[in-house]
Amino acid sequence: MGARLGALTGVLGFGVVAVTLALWTTFRSSKAIHDALLNYIQQYAAHSADPRMPQVLELFNTPAGFTFIMILTLIMTLAAFLVFSSLGGALGAFLLYRKGRL
């Protein structure tokens, strides 16, 4: 039951983050957001030894690639919220469970 409650909390938390992100991108220029993220990725790529980084930069420069990366990031964020919230709920239920209580 604790894991279910934690998962529900994770979904609600993700909803708050997603709505905040949607409002932020609505009221800011998408070009400014794209440029800021591209700048961050380019700085990371300069220090990375991964040979696939130029492919990531090329993908990020296309509108479809940018959309794909943003959707993938949201899905990974949802998964992280669900996993960590469920684990926290299960751990909390385990630690706070008292025998003889209903």
Protein backbone atom coordinates (compact mmCIF):
# COMPACT_ATOMS: atom_id res chain seq x y z
CA MET A 1 0.00 0.00 0.00
CA GLY A 2 2.91 2.34 0.75
CA ALA A 3 4.38 1.76 -2.71
CA ARG A 4 1.03 2.60 -4.32
CA LEU A 5 0.73 5.78 -2.31
CA GLY A 6 4.32 6.65 -3.22
CA ALA A 7 3.61 6.01 -6.92
CA LEU A 8 0.54 8.28 -6.75
CA THR A 9 2.67 10.94 -5.10
CA GLY A 10 5.28 10.50 -7.85
CA VAL A 11 2.67 10.96 -10.58
CA LEU A 12 1.35 14.09 -8.87
CA GLY A 13 4.89 15.44 -8.44
CA PHE A 14 5.66 14.76 -12.07
CA GLY A 15 2.43 16.52 -13.04
CA VAL A 16 3.53 19.63 -11.17
CA VAL A 17 6.93 19.55 -12.87
CA ALA A 18 5.39 18.96 -16.31
CA VAL A 19 2.86 21.80 -15.91
CA THR A 20 5.59 24.14 -14.67
CA LEU A 21 7.79 23.22 -17.62
CA ALA A 22 4.89 23.70 -20.05
CA LEU A 23 4.09 27.14 -18.63
CA TRP A 24 7.76 28.12 -18.67
CA THR A 25 8.15 27.14 -22.33
CA THR A 26 4.87 28.85 -23.23
CA PHE A 27 5.88 32.21 -21.82
CA ARG A 28 9.51 32.09 -22.91
CA SER A 29 10.85 31.97 -26.41
CA SER A 30 11.39 28.39 -27.55
CA LYS A 31 14.44 29.65 -29.47
CA ALA A 32 15.98 30.94 -26.24
CA ILE A 33 15.33 27.61 -24.51
CA HIS A 34 16.75 25.67 -27.47
CA ASP A 35 19.86 27.87 -27.57
CA ALA A 36 20.44 27.54 -23.81
CA LEU A 37 20.14 23.75 -23.94
CA LEU A 38 22.33 23.56 -27.05
CA ASN A 39 24.97 25.67 -25.31
CA TYR A 40 24.88 23.33 -22.29
CA ILE A 41 25.19 20.22 -24.48
CA GLN A 42 28.07 21.76 -26.45
CA GLN A 43 29.92 22.51 -23.21
CA TYR A 44 29.35 18.93 -22.05
CA ALA A 45 30.45 17.57 -25.44
CA ALA A 46 33.70 19.53 -25.24
CA HIS A 47 34.65 17.61 -22.09
CA SER A 48 33.27 14.23 -23.15
CA ALA A 49 35.31 11.49 -24.77
CA ASP A 50 32.18 9.81 -26.17
CA PRO A 51 32.47 9.55 -29.98
CA ARG A 52 28.66 9.73 -30.35
CA MET A 53 28.40 13.31 -29.04
CA PRO A 54 28.58 14.91 -32.52
CA GLN A 55 25.58 12.78 -33.52
CA VAL A 56 23.68 14.01 -30.47
CA LEU A 57 24.50 17.61 -31.38
CA GLU A 58 23.29 17.05 -34.96
CA LEU A 59 20.07 15.47 -33.68
CA PHE A 60 19.51 18.32 -31.25
CA ASN A 61 19.84 20.92 -34.02
CA THR A 62 16.78 19.58 -35.89
CA PRO A 63 13.25 20.45 -34.69
CA ALA A 64 12.23 16.78 -34.69
CA GLY A 65 15.37 15.82 -32.76
CA PHE A 66 14.80 18.55 -30.19
CA THR A 67 11.21 17.38 -29.70
CA PHE A 68 12.36 13.76 -29.41
CA ILE A 69 14.97 14.63 -26.78
CA MET A 70 12.46 16.69 -24.78
CA ILE A 71 9.85 13.89 -24.84
CA LEU A 72 12.48 11.30 -23.90
CA THR A 73 13.60 13.51 -21.02
CA LEU A 74 10.01 13.82 -19.77
CA ILE A 75 9.52 10.04 -19.94
CA MET A 76 12.74 9.42 -18.03
CA THR A 77 11.71 12.02 -15.44
CA LEU A 78 8.33 10.30 -15.00
CA ALA A 79 10.06 6.94 -14.55
CA ALA A 80 12.43 8.40 -11.96
CA PHE A 81 9.55 10.04 -10.06
CA LEU A 82 7.62 6.76 -10.04
CA VAL A 83 10.53 4.56 -8.98
CA PHE A 84 11.88 6.77 -6.22
CA SER A 85 8.46 7.72 -4.87
CA SER A 86 7.32 4.09 -4.85
CA LEU A 87 10.49 3.01 -3.06
CA GLY A 88 10.09 5.82 -0.55
CA GLY A 89 6.46 4.91 0.07
CA ALA A 90 7.27 1.23 0.51
CA LEU A 91 10.17 2.01 2.84
CA GLY A 92 8.03 4.42 4.85
CA ALA A 93 5.24 1.87 5.18
CA PHE A 94 7.74 -0.79 6.24
CA LEU A 95 9.41 1.41 8.85
CA LEU A 96 6.17 2.84 10.26
CA TYR A 97 4.19 -0.41 10.34
CA ARG A 98 3.23 -1.40 13.87
CA LYS A 99 1.80 -4.80 14.73
CA GLY A 100 -1.59 -4.64 16.34
CA ARG A 101 -2.51 -1.36 14.61
CA LEU A 102 -5.26 -1.26 12.02
